[in-house]
Amino acid sequence: MTATVITIAQQKGGAGKTTLAIHLALAWAASGRRVAIIDIDPQASVSTWFRVRHERNEARAAPIEAVAVGGWRVAGEVERQARNHDIVLVDSPPHAETEARIAVRAGKLVLVPVQPSPMDFWATKPTLDLARAEKVPALLVLNRVPARANLTGAMLEAFRSLDVPLADAQIGNRVALAAALNAGQGILEYDPSSIAAAEIMALAEEALIRAGDRSAPPNLLAPAREEVGVAEERLSVS
């Protein structure tokens, strides 16, 4: 197995796992990496989006492969895709501990998206316990962060108390992310100059660095962070 395998896991539903998976996969593909998404969520949202993308002929922009599997076939499919791709991203299901465990075990890094709310904080602990049990490093990612949420500062301290790294990159509550998926695109295709695109780009680079991918030099993350800061400053002024 030569690919960097990253699993997105969160036992709580509605955390935005699939949205992150698609946008990250296309961001990596846009940088020239060969990317596959393995969809083990019974809702098969990745597979549905993938069909929309091909129907709208968007696949030519940043080609990726998407495969839907489940149960005992997950580990074998990860190995198969890893032979032909640079990055394999596994979108694991909520409320399914057995399949989530297999997905976590296969990864070099587990991305755990969390919204800045008490409910997400409480529900995240089982996912982190799962990653610890499988001895796979986890990275918390604040997702769907409201632009002016008084709760966010307090929740940052709460998440830091979990003794798990918190990603520098955060993903705001951006309507453009959903609009891009509806068009069969990723945010870097749909609106490359947007704040949402800068945030996804920053997380894409940070995740690879955290996963130990040597093809992602740390200096690539700096421009993305600067772009996010400038864009948010423009937003607050307006």
C-alpha atoms as a PDB file:
ATOM      1  CA  MET A   1       0.000   0.000   0.000  1.00  0.00           C
ATOM      2  CA  THR A   2       1.645   3.257  -1.124  1.00  0.00           C
ATOM      3  CA  ALA A   3      -1.169   5.804  -0.938  1.00  0.00           C
ATOM      4  CA  THR A   4      -1.934   8.176   1.901  1.00  0.00           C
ATOM      5  CA  VAL A   5      -5.176   6.857   3.388  1.00  0.00           C
ATOM      6  CA  ILE A   6      -7.321   9.347   5.307  1.00  0.00           C
ATOM      7  CA  THR A   7     -10.598   8.424   6.982  1.00  0.00           C
ATOM      8  CA  ILE A   8     -13.334  10.917   7.801  1.00  0.00           C
ATOM      9  CA  ALA A   9     -15.243   9.644  10.812  1.00  0.00           C
ATOM     10  CA  GLN A  10     -17.860  11.001  13.179  1.00  0.00           C
ATOM     11  CA  GLN A  11     -20.363   8.832  15.027  1.00  0.00           C
ATOM     12  CA  LYS A  12     -22.764  11.759  15.243  1.00  0.00           C
ATOM     13  CA  GLY A  13     -24.775  12.354  12.084  1.00  0.00           C
ATOM     14  CA  GLY A  14     -25.043  15.745  10.426  1.00  0.00           C
ATOM     15  CA  ALA A  15     -21.445  16.803  11.023  1.00  0.00           C
ATOM     16  CA  GLY A  16     -20.759  17.411   7.322  1.00  0.00           C
ATOM     17  CA  LYS A  17     -18.480  14.423   6.670  1.00  0.00           C
ATOM     18  CA  THR A  18     -19.496  13.785   3.077  1.00  0.00           C
ATOM     19  CA  THR A  19     -19.356  17.455   2.092  1.00  0.00           C
ATOM     20  CA  LEU A  20     -15.820  17.671   3.434  1.00  0.00           C
ATOM     21  CA  ALA A  21     -14.840  14.395   1.756  1.00  0.00           C
ATOM     22  CA  ILE A  22     -15.880  15.542  -1.708  1.00  0.00           C
ATOM     23  CA  HIS A  23     -14.368  19.016  -1.512  1.00  0.00           C
ATOM     24  CA  LEU A  24     -11.094  17.723  -0.081  1.00  0.00           C
ATOM     25  CA  ALA A  25     -10.842  14.985  -2.705  1.00  0.00           C
ATOM     26  CA  LEU A  26     -11.293  17.470  -5.536  1.00  0.00           C
ATOM     27  CA  ALA A  27      -8.823  19.905  -3.968  1.00  0.00           C
ATOM     28  CA  TRP A  28      -6.187  17.175  -3.895  1.00  0.00           C
ATOM     29  CA  ALA A  29      -7.065  16.124  -7.457  1.00  0.00           C
ATOM     30  CA  ALA A  30      -6.716  19.726  -8.626  1.00  0.00           C
ATOM     31  CA  SER A  31      -3.118  19.679  -7.353  1.00  0.00           C
ATOM     32  CA  GLY A  32      -2.340  16.744  -9.643  1.00  0.00           C
ATOM     33  CA  ARG A  33      -2.739  13.889  -7.182  1.00  0.00           C
ATOM     34  CA  ARG A  34      -4.622  10.706  -8.086  1.00  0.00           C
ATOM     35  CA  VAL A  35      -7.534  10.492  -5.647  1.00  0.00           C
ATOM     36  CA  ALA A  36     -10.156   7.877  -4.812  1.00  0.00           C
ATOM     37  CA  ILE A  37     -13.095   8.171  -2.407  1.00  0.00           C
ATOM     38  CA  ILE A  38     -14.424   4.997  -0.804  1.00  0.00           C
ATOM     39  CA  ASP A  39     -18.029   5.530   0.236  1.00  0.00           C
ATOM     40  CA  ILE A  40     -19.110   3.136   3.004  1.00  0.00           C
ATOM     41  CA  ASP A  41     -22.043   5.237   4.198  1.00  0.00           C
ATOM     42  CA  PRO A  42     -25.359   3.411   3.485  1.00  0.00           C
ATOM     43  CA  GLN A  43     -26.843   6.729   2.336  1.00  0.00           C
ATOM     44  CA  ALA A  44     -24.351   6.612  -0.577  1.00  0.00           C
ATOM     45  CA  SER A  45     -24.270  10.405  -0.862  1.00  0.00           C
ATOM     46  CA  VAL A  46     -20.829  10.408  -2.481  1.00  0.00           C
ATOM     47  CA  SER A  47     -21.990   7.953  -5.123  1.00  0.00           C
ATOM     48  CA  THR A  48     -25.094  10.051  -5.834  1.00  0.00           C
ATOM     49  CA  TRP A  49     -23.003  13.201  -6.229  1.00  0.00           C
ATOM     50  CA  PHE A  50     -20.558  11.315  -8.448  1.00  0.00           C
ATOM     51  CA  ARG A  51     -23.394  10.376 -10.827  1.00  0.00           C
ATOM     52  CA  VAL A  52     -24.538  14.010 -10.947  1.00  0.00           C
ATOM     53  CA  ARG A  53     -20.972  15.071 -11.752  1.00  0.00           C
ATOM     54  CA  HIS A  54     -20.701  12.690 -14.676  1.00  0.00           C
ATOM     55  CA  GLU A  55     -24.155  13.572 -15.985  1.00  0.00           C
ATOM     56  CA  ARG A  56     -23.091  17.228 -16.075  1.00  0.00           C
ATOM     57  CA  ASN A  57     -19.751  16.310 -17.633  1.00  0.00           C
ATOM     58  CA  GLU A  58     -17.795  17.902 -14.801  1.00  0.00           C
ATOM     59  CA  ALA A  59     -15.468  14.928 -14.356  1.00  0.00           C
ATOM     60  CA  ARG A  60     -13.039  16.305 -16.932  1.00  0.00           C
ATOM     61  CA  ALA A  61     -12.082  19.201 -14.651  1.00  0.00           C
ATOM     62  CA  ALA A  62     -10.540  17.199 -11.772  1.00  0.00           C
ATOM     63  CA  PRO A  63     -10.979  13.449 -12.216  1.00  0.00           C
ATOM     64  CA  ILE A  64     -11.399  11.306  -9.126  1.00  0.00           C
ATOM     65  CA  GLU A  65     -12.668   7.780  -8.573  1.00  0.00           C
ATOM     66  CA  ALA A  66     -15.573   6.984  -6.250  1.00  0.00           C
ATOM     67  CA  VAL A  67     -16.419   3.474  -5.067  1.00  0.00           C
ATOM     68  CA  ALA A  68     -19.253   2.360  -2.777  1.00  0.00           C
ATOM     69  CA  VAL A  69     -18.581  -0.704  -0.612  1.00  0.00           C
ATOM     70  CA  GLY A  70     -19.591  -2.015   2.777  1.00  0.00           C
ATOM     71  CA  GLY A  71     -18.950  -4.570   5.479  1.00  0.00           C
ATOM     72  CA  TRP A  72     -15.994  -6.941   5.214  1.00  0.00           C
ATOM     73  CA  ARG A  73     -15.031  -5.629   1.752  1.00  0.00           C
ATOM     74  CA  VAL A  74     -13.875  -2.237   3.049  1.00  0.00           C
ATOM     75  CA  ALA A  75     -10.312  -3.210   4.016  1.00  0.00           C
ATOM     76  CA  GLY A  76      -9.702  -5.017   0.720  1.00  0.00           C
ATOM     77  CA  GLU A  77     -11.070  -2.103  -1.299  1.00  0.00           C
ATOM     78  CA  VAL A  78      -8.814   0.347   0.522  1.00  0.00           C
ATOM     79  CA  GLU A  79      -5.791  -1.785  -0.350  1.00  0.00           C
ATOM     80  CA  ARG A  80      -6.905  -2.096  -3.980  1.00  0.00           C
ATOM     81  CA  GLN A  81      -7.425   1.637  -4.441  1.00  0.00           C
ATOM     82  CA  ALA A  82      -4.168   2.426  -2.638  1.00  0.00           C
ATOM     83  CA  ARG A  83      -2.216   0.599  -5.334  1.00  0.00           C
ATOM     84  CA  ASN A  84      -3.451   2.954  -8.041  1.00  0.00           C
ATOM     85  CA  HIS A  85      -3.881   6.280  -6.269  1.00  0.00           C
ATOM     86  CA  ASP A  86      -1.851   8.811  -4.302  1.00  0.00           C
ATOM     87  CA  ILE A  87      -4.626   9.518  -1.807  1.00  0.00           C
ATOM     88  CA  VAL A  88      -7.522   7.323  -0.692  1.00  0.00           C
ATOM     89  CA  LEU A  89     -10.248   9.052   1.303  1.00  0.00           C
ATOM     90  CA  VAL A  90     -12.729   6.893   3.232  1.00  0.00           C
ATOM     91  CA  ASP A  91     -16.124   8.406   4.049  1.00  0.00           C
ATOM     92  CA  SER A  92     -17.336   6.335   7.001  1.00  0.00           C
ATOM     93  CA  PRO A  93     -20.952   6.042   8.208  1.00  0.00           C
ATOM     94  CA  PRO A  94     -22.335   7.429  11.469  1.00  0.00           C
ATOM     95  CA  HIS A  95     -23.966   5.092  13.982  1.00  0.00           C
ATOM     96  CA  ALA A  96     -22.152   2.022  12.577  1.00  0.00           C
ATOM     97  CA  GLU A  97     -19.302   1.125  14.901  1.00  0.00           C
ATOM     98  CA  THR A  98     -18.101  -2.023  13.116  1.00  0.00           C
ATOM     99  CA  GLU A  99     -17.671  -0.426   9.690  1.00  0.00           C
ATOM    100  CA  ALA A 100     -16.350   2.781  11.228  1.00  0.00           C
ATOM    101  CA  ARG A 101     -13.749   0.741  13.095  1.00  0.00           C
ATOM    102  CA  ILE A 102     -12.595  -0.920   9.864  1.00  0.00           C
ATOM    103  CA  ALA A 103     -12.389   2.471   8.158  1.00  0.00           C
ATOM    104  CA  VAL A 104     -10.432   4.025  11.025  1.00  0.00           C
ATOM    105  CA  ARG A 105      -8.037   1.074  11.155  1.00  0.00           C
ATOM    106  CA  ALA A 106      -7.212   1.531   7.452  1.00  0.00           C
ATOM    107  CA  GLY A 107      -6.265   5.194   7.766  1.00  0.00           C
ATOM    108  CA  LYS A 108      -3.020   7.004   8.486  1.00  0.00           C
ATOM    109  CA  LEU A 109      -5.107   9.869   9.845  1.00  0.00           C
ATOM    110  CA  VAL A 110      -8.709  10.243  11.014  1.00  0.00           C
ATOM    111  CA  LEU A 111     -10.369  13.582  10.312  1.00  0.00           C
ATOM    112  CA  VAL A 112     -13.169  14.192  12.810  1.00  0.00           C
ATOM    113  CA  PRO A 113     -15.452  17.068  11.746  1.00  0.00           C
ATOM    114  CA  VAL A 114     -17.248  18.786  14.610  1.00  0.00           C
ATOM    115  CA  GLN A 115     -19.598  21.725  14.734  1.00  0.00           C
ATOM    116  CA  PRO A 116     -18.933  24.232  17.539  1.00  0.00           C
ATOM    117  CA  SER A 117     -21.821  23.095  19.721  1.00  0.00           C
ATOM    118  CA  PRO A 118     -22.179  21.220  23.020  1.00  0.00           C
ATOM    119  CA  MET A 119     -24.029  18.370  21.273  1.00  0.00           C
ATOM    120  CA  ASP A 120     -21.129  17.792  18.878  1.00  0.00           C
ATOM    121  CA  PHE A 121     -18.629  18.050  21.714  1.00  0.00           C
ATOM    122  CA  TRP A 122     -20.391  15.332  23.709  1.00  0.00           C
ATOM    123  CA  ALA A 123     -20.927  13.108  20.660  1.00  0.00           C
ATOM    124  CA  THR A 124     -17.321  13.325  19.451  1.00  0.00           C
ATOM    125  CA  LYS A 125     -15.763  11.385  22.334  1.00  0.00           C
ATOM    126  CA  PRO A 126     -16.799   7.889  21.066  1.00  0.00           C
ATOM    127  CA  THR A 127     -15.163   8.599  17.699  1.00  0.00           C
ATOM    128  CA  LEU A 128     -11.946   9.710  19.368  1.00  0.00           C
ATOM    129  CA  ASP A 129     -12.021   6.642  21.616  1.00  0.00           C
ATOM    130  CA  LEU A 130     -12.336   4.511  18.479  1.00  0.00           C
ATOM    131  CA  ALA A 131      -9.285   6.159  16.908  1.00  0.00           C
ATOM    132  CA  ARG A 132      -7.286   5.692  20.108  1.00  0.00           C
ATOM    133  CA  ALA A 133      -8.262   2.020  20.308  1.00  0.00           C
ATOM    134  CA  GLU A 134      -7.015   1.503  16.738  1.00  0.00           C
ATOM    135  CA  LYS A 135      -3.876   3.583  17.432  1.00  0.00           C
ATOM    136  CA  VAL A 136      -4.566   5.932  14.517  1.00  0.00           C
ATOM    137  CA  PRO A 137      -3.948   9.673  15.039  1.00  0.00           C
ATOM    138  CA  ALA A 138      -7.029  11.879  14.890  1.00  0.00           C
ATOM    139  CA  LEU A 139      -7.433  15.520  13.903  1.00  0.00           C
ATOM    140  CA  LEU A 140     -10.474  17.519  14.982  1.00  0.00           C
ATOM    141  CA  VAL A 141     -11.809  19.868  12.305  1.00  0.00           C
ATOM    142  CA  LEU A 142     -14.186  22.651  13.244  1.00  0.00           C
ATOM    143  CA  ASN A 143     -16.846  22.586  10.535  1.00  0.00           C
ATOM    144  CA  ARG A 144     -19.846  24.752   9.693  1.00  0.00           C
ATOM    145  CA  VAL A 145     -18.539  27.466  11.984  1.00  0.00           C
ATOM    146  CA  PRO A 146     -20.970  30.441  12.162  1.00  0.00           C
ATOM    147  CA  ALA A 147     -19.420  33.746  11.138  1.00  0.00           C
ATOM    148  CA  ARG A 148     -20.172  35.519  14.407  1.00  0.00           C
ATOM    149  CA  ALA A 149     -20.864  32.814  16.974  1.00  0.00           C
ATOM    150  CA  ASN A 150     -20.277  33.815  20.600  1.00  0.00           C
ATOM    151  CA  LEU A 151     -20.145  30.102  21.439  1.00  0.00           C
ATOM    152  CA  THR A 152     -17.191  29.363  19.193  1.00  0.00           C
ATOM    153  CA  GLY A 153     -14.509  30.748  21.515  1.00  0.00           C
ATOM    154  CA  ALA A 154     -15.745  28.760  24.497  1.00  0.00           C
ATOM    155  CA  MET A 155     -16.142  25.611  22.424  1.00  0.00           C
ATOM    156  CA  LEU A 156     -12.575  25.939  21.131  1.00  0.00           C
ATOM    157  CA  GLU A 157     -11.333  25.562  24.689  1.00  0.00           C
ATOM    158  CA  ALA A 158     -13.660  22.598  25.258  1.00  0.00           C
ATOM    159  CA  PHE A 159     -12.421  20.768  22.153  1.00  0.00           C
ATOM    160  CA  ARG A 160      -8.806  21.441  23.100  1.00  0.00           C
ATOM    161  CA  SER A 161      -9.480  19.720  26.414  1.00  0.00           C
ATOM    162  CA  LEU A 162     -10.043  16.443  24.551  1.00  0.00           C
ATOM    163  CA  ASP A 163      -6.260  16.031  24.184  1.00  0.00           C
ATOM    164  CA  VAL A 164      -6.504  15.637  20.409  1.00  0.00           C
ATOM    165  CA  PRO A 165      -4.971  18.073  17.885  1.00  0.00           C
ATOM    166  CA  LEU A 166      -7.345  20.715  16.558  1.00  0.00           C
ATOM    167  CA  ALA A 167      -6.784  21.690  12.922  1.00  0.00           C
ATOM    168  CA  ASP A 168      -5.563  25.212  12.294  1.00  0.00           C
ATOM    169  CA  ALA A 169      -7.855  25.323   9.264  1.00  0.00           C
ATOM    170  CA  GLN A 170     -11.552  25.816  10.011  1.00  0.00           C
ATOM    171  CA  ILE A 171     -14.496  25.505   7.639  1.00  0.00           C
ATOM    172  CA  GLY A 172     -17.173  28.162   7.919  1.00  0.00           C
ATOM    173  CA  ASN A 173     -20.888  27.695   7.433  1.00  0.00           C
ATOM    174  CA  ARG A 174     -20.661  28.441   3.701  1.00  0.00           C
ATOM    175  CA  VAL A 175     -23.662  28.117   1.393  1.00  0.00           C
ATOM    176  CA  ALA A 176     -21.265  27.878  -1.560  1.00  0.00           C
ATOM    177  CA  LEU A 177     -20.094  24.429  -0.445  1.00  0.00           C
ATOM    178  CA  ALA A 178     -23.562  22.953  -0.876  1.00  0.00           C
ATOM    179  CA  ALA A 179     -24.195  24.900  -4.085  1.00  0.00           C
ATOM    180  CA  ALA A 180     -21.010  23.490  -5.592  1.00  0.00           C
ATOM    181  CA  LEU A 181     -22.067  19.906  -4.832  1.00  0.00           C
ATOM    182  CA  ASN A 182     -25.458  20.540  -6.382  1.00  0.00           C
ATOM    183  CA  ALA A 183     -23.655  21.538  -9.570  1.00  0.00           C
ATOM    184  CA  GLY A 184     -21.540  18.378  -9.506  1.00  0.00           C
ATOM    185  CA  GLN A 185     -18.450  20.383  -8.631  1.00  0.00           C
ATOM    186  CA  GLY A 186     -16.002  21.057  -5.850  1.00  0.00           C
ATOM    187  CA  ILE A 187     -15.658  24.527  -4.396  1.00  0.00           C
ATOM    188  CA  LEU A 188     -12.329  25.115  -6.189  1.00  0.00           C
ATOM    189  CA  GLU A 189     -14.156  24.605  -9.484  1.00  0.00           C
ATOM    190  CA  TYR A 190     -17.370  26.387  -8.503  1.00  0.00           C
ATOM    191  CA  ASP A 191     -15.917  29.541  -6.927  1.00  0.00           C
ATOM    192  CA  PRO A 192     -12.117  29.354  -6.662  1.00  0.00           C
ATOM    193  CA  SER A 193     -11.727  32.896  -5.282  1.00  0.00           C
ATOM    194  CA  SER A 194     -14.219  32.409  -2.429  1.00  0.00           C
ATOM    195  CA  ILE A 195     -13.519  32.201   1.287  1.00  0.00           C
ATOM    196  CA  ALA A 196     -14.879  28.652   1.224  1.00  0.00           C
ATOM    197  CA  ALA A 197     -12.332  27.639  -1.430  1.00  0.00           C
ATOM    198  CA  ALA A 198      -9.464  29.097   0.591  1.00  0.00           C
ATOM    199  CA  GLU A 199     -10.631  27.253   3.712  1.00  0.00           C
ATOM    200  CA  ILE A 200     -10.893  23.911   1.906  1.00  0.00           C
ATOM    201  CA  MET A 201      -7.484  24.419   0.322  1.00  0.00           C
ATOM    202  CA  ALA A 202      -5.952  25.140   3.732  1.00  0.00           C
ATOM    203  CA  LEU A 203      -7.506  22.031   5.272  1.00  0.00           C
ATOM    204  CA  ALA A 204      -6.490  19.869   2.306  1.00  0.00           C
ATOM    205  CA  GLU A 205      -2.837  20.827   2.704  1.00  0.00           C
ATOM    206  CA  GLU A 206      -2.878  20.602   6.497  1.00  0.00           C
ATOM    207  CA  ALA A 207      -4.472  17.133   6.451  1.00  0.00           C
ATOM    208  CA  LEU A 208      -1.770  15.766   4.156  1.00  0.00           C
ATOM    209  CA  ILE A 209       0.970  17.250   6.295  1.00  0.00           C
ATOM    210  CA  ARG A 210      -0.576  15.765   9.434  1.00  0.00           C
ATOM    211  CA  ALA A 211      -0.878  12.396   7.684  1.00  0.00           C
ATOM    212  CA  GLY A 212       2.829  12.454   6.885  1.00  0.00           C
ATOM    213  CA  ASP A 213       2.442  12.890   3.133  1.00  0.00           C
ATOM    214  CA  ARG A 214       5.854  14.044   1.931  1.00  0.00           C
ATOM    215  CA  SER A 215       4.392  15.391  -1.302  1.00  0.00           C
ATOM    216  CA  ALA A 216       2.738  18.209   0.665  1.00  0.00           C
ATOM    217  CA  PRO A 217       5.507  20.624   1.707  1.00  0.00           C
ATOM    218  CA  PRO A 218       4.490  22.794   4.693  1.00  0.00           C
ATOM    219  CA  ASN A 219       5.040  26.079   2.846  1.00  0.00           C
ATOM    220  CA  LEU A 220       2.049  25.314   0.594  1.00  0.00           C
ATOM    221  CA  LEU A 221      -0.265  25.871   3.544  1.00  0.00           C
ATOM    222  CA  ALA A 222       0.852  29.433   4.242  1.00  0.00           C
ATOM    223  CA  PRO A 223      -0.681  31.109   1.151  1.00  0.00           C
ATOM    224  CA  ALA A 224      -4.007  29.421   1.825  1.00  0.00           C
ATOM    225  CA  ARG A 225      -4.053  30.677   5.415  1.00  0.00           C
ATOM    226  CA  GLU A 226      -3.203  34.192   4.266  1.00  0.00           C
ATOM    227  CA  GLU A 227      -5.985  34.114   1.666  1.00  0.00           C
ATOM    228  CA  VAL A 228      -8.507  32.977   4.286  1.00  0.00           C
ATOM    229  CA  GLY A 229      -7.448  35.786   6.616  1.00  0.00           C
ATOM    230  CA  VAL A 230      -7.721  38.445   3.905  1.00  0.00           C
ATOM    231  CA  ALA A 231     -11.106  37.156   2.746  1.00  0.00           C
ATOM    232  CA  GLU A 232     -12.517  37.097   6.291  1.00  0.00           C
ATOM    233  CA  GLU A 233     -11.229  40.616   6.873  1.00  0.00           C
ATOM    234  CA  ARG A 234     -13.069  41.783   3.748  1.00  0.00           C
ATOM    235  CA  LEU A 235     -16.219  40.047   4.977  1.00  0.00           C
ATOM    236  CA  SER A 236     -16.107  41.677   8.426  1.00  0.00           C
ATOM    237  CA  VAL A 237     -15.558  45.114   6.926  1.00  0.00           C
ATOM    238  CA  SER A 238     -18.513  44.733   4.560  1.00  0.00           C
END
